[in-house]
Amino acid sequence: MATLILSDEQVIELVKQLPVGQQVEVFRFLLLQQWGNGNHYHVMEPKKQG
């Protein structure tokens, strides 16, 4: 698989384009990468529109 090199700003802009549910999954992934050492953090679900 080819490697794509993006700036931090480009990554943020790509994530902003994702549907909210996918943004939440990215957020959870990042939290687990940073604090997945047994600490427990509650990730709030986004409010449903409508």
N, C-alpha and C. Protein backbone atom coordinates (compact mmCIF):
# COMPACT_ATOMS: atom_id res chain seq x y z
N MET A 1 0.85 -1.18 0.00
CA MET A 1 0.00 0.00 0.00
C MET A 1 0.89 1.23 0.00
N ALA A 2 0.54 2.21 -0.80
CA ALA A 2 1.31 3.44 -0.89
C ALA A 2 1.11 4.28 0.37
N THR A 3 2.13 5.03 0.71
CA THR A 3 2.06 5.92 1.86
C THR A 3 1.74 7.33 1.39
N LEU A 4 0.77 7.95 2.03
CA LEU A 4 0.38 9.31 1.73
C LEU A 4 0.85 10.19 2.87
N ILE A 5 1.64 11.21 2.57
CA ILE A 5 2.16 12.10 3.60
C ILE A 5 1.35 13.39 3.57
N LEU A 6 0.71 13.70 4.71
CA LEU A 6 -0.14 14.88 4.83
C LEU A 6 0.34 15.73 6.01
N SER A 7 0.11 17.02 5.90
CA SER A 7 0.38 17.91 7.02
C SER A 7 -0.72 17.72 8.07
N ASP A 8 -0.48 18.22 9.27
CA ASP A 8 -1.50 18.16 10.31
C ASP A 8 -2.78 18.86 9.85
N GLU A 9 -2.60 20.00 9.21
CA GLU A 9 -3.75 20.77 8.74
C GLU A 9 -4.56 19.98 7.71
N GLN A 10 -3.87 19.27 6.82
CA GLN A 10 -4.57 18.48 5.81
C GLN A 10 -5.35 17.34 6.44
N VAL A 11 -4.77 16.71 7.44
CA VAL A 11 -5.46 15.62 8.14
C VAL A 11 -6.71 16.15 8.82
N ILE A 12 -6.59 17.29 9.48
CA ILE A 12 -7.75 17.89 10.15
C ILE A 12 -8.84 18.22 9.15
N GLU A 13 -8.47 18.78 8.01
CA GLU A 13 -9.47 19.11 7.00
C GLU A 13 -10.16 17.87 6.46
N LEU A 14 -9.43 16.77 6.30
CA LEU A 14 -10.04 15.52 5.85
C LEU A 14 -11.02 14.99 6.88
N VAL A 15 -10.63 15.03 8.14
CA VAL A 15 -11.52 14.54 9.20
C VAL A 15 -12.78 15.38 9.26
N LYS A 16 -12.67 16.69 9.07
CA LYS A 16 -13.84 17.57 9.08
C LYS A 16 -14.85 17.18 8.00
N GLN A 17 -14.38 16.57 6.93
CA GLN A 17 -15.26 16.19 5.82
C GLN A 17 -16.01 14.88 6.09
N LEU A 18 -15.60 14.15 7.11
CA LEU A 18 -16.25 12.88 7.44
C LEU A 18 -17.61 13.13 8.08
N PRO A 19 -18.54 12.18 7.91
CA PRO A 19 -19.78 12.24 8.68
C PRO A 19 -19.45 12.19 10.18
N VAL A 20 -20.32 12.75 11.00
CA VAL A 20 -20.07 12.85 12.44
C VAL A 20 -19.74 11.48 13.06
N GLY A 21 -20.45 10.45 12.65
CA GLY A 21 -20.20 9.11 13.20
C GLY A 21 -18.77 8.65 12.96
N GLN A 22 -18.25 8.92 11.79
CA GLN A 22 -16.87 8.55 11.49
C GLN A 22 -15.88 9.44 12.23
N GLN A 23 -16.24 10.70 12.43
CA GLN A 23 -15.39 11.58 13.24
C GLN A 23 -15.26 11.03 14.65
N VAL A 24 -16.37 10.53 15.20
CA VAL A 24 -16.36 9.95 16.55
C VAL A 24 -15.43 8.74 16.59
N GLU A 25 -15.49 7.90 15.56
CA GLU A 25 -14.62 6.72 15.52
C GLU A 25 -13.15 7.12 15.47
N VAL A 26 -12.82 8.15 14.69
CA VAL A 26 -11.44 8.65 14.64
C VAL A 26 -11.03 9.16 16.01
N PHE A 27 -11.91 9.91 16.67
CA PHE A 27 -11.64 10.44 18.00
C PHE A 27 -11.38 9.31 19.00
N ARG A 28 -12.24 8.29 18.96
CA ARG A 28 -12.03 7.13 19.86
C ARG A 28 -10.69 6.47 19.60
N PHE A 29 -10.37 6.27 18.33
CA PHE A 29 -9.09 5.66 17.98
C PHE A 29 -7.93 6.46 18.55
N LEU A 30 -7.99 7.79 18.38
CA LEU A 30 -6.91 8.65 18.88
C LEU A 30 -6.83 8.61 20.40
N LEU A 31 -7.98 8.59 21.06
CA LEU A 31 -7.97 8.49 22.53
C LEU A 31 -7.33 7.18 22.98
N LEU A 32 -7.67 6.11 22.32
CA LEU A 32 -7.10 4.81 22.69
C LEU A 32 -5.60 4.77 22.44
N GLN A 33 -5.15 5.41 21.37
CA GLN A 33 -3.73 5.46 21.08
C GLN A 33 -2.98 6.23 22.17
N GLN A 34 -3.59 7.30 22.65
CA GLN A 34 -2.94 8.15 23.63
C GLN A 34 -3.08 7.61 25.05
N TRP A 35 -4.29 7.11 25.39
CA TRP A 35 -4.56 6.73 26.76
C TRP A 35 -5.09 5.31 26.89
N GLY A 36 -4.74 4.44 25.96
CA GLY A 36 -5.25 3.08 25.99
C GLY A 36 -4.45 2.17 26.91
N ASN A 37 -3.92 2.71 27.99
CA ASN A 37 -3.06 1.94 28.89
C ASN A 37 -3.79 1.48 30.14
N GLY A 38 -5.10 1.26 30.02
CA GLY A 38 -5.86 0.78 31.17
C GLY A 38 -6.70 1.86 31.81
N ASN A 39 -6.40 3.13 31.54
CA ASN A 39 -7.25 4.19 32.04
C ASN A 39 -8.57 4.18 31.29
N HIS A 40 -9.64 4.51 31.95
CA HIS A 40 -10.95 4.49 31.31
C HIS A 40 -11.45 5.91 31.13
N TYR A 41 -11.83 6.22 29.92
CA TYR A 41 -12.36 7.53 29.59
C TYR A 41 -13.71 7.34 28.92
N HIS A 42 -14.65 8.20 29.26
CA HIS A 42 -15.97 8.14 28.66
C HIS A 42 -16.00 9.06 27.45
N VAL A 43 -16.35 8.50 26.29
CA VAL A 43 -16.49 9.28 25.07
C VAL A 43 -17.97 9.52 24.85
N MET A 44 -18.35 10.80 24.82
CA MET A 44 -19.76 11.15 24.63
C MET A 44 -20.16 10.98 23.18
N GLU A 45 -21.35 10.47 22.96
CA GLU A 45 -21.91 10.34 21.63
C GLU A 45 -22.37 11.71 21.15
N PRO A 46 -22.26 11.99 19.86
CA PRO A 46 -22.77 13.27 19.37
C PRO A 46 -24.29 13.31 19.48
N LYS A 47 -24.84 14.51 19.66
CA LYS A 47 -26.29 14.66 19.71
C LYS A 47 -26.87 14.37 18.34
N LYS A 48 -27.97 13.65 18.33
CA LYS A 48 -28.65 13.32 17.07
C LYS A 48 -29.35 14.56 16.55
N GLN A 49 -29.23 14.78 15.26
CA GLN A 49 -29.90 15.91 14.61
C GLN A 49 -31.35 15.52 14.33
N GLY A 50 -32.27 16.45 14.57
CA GLY A 50 -33.67 16.20 14.20
C GLY A 50 -34.50 15.76 15.27
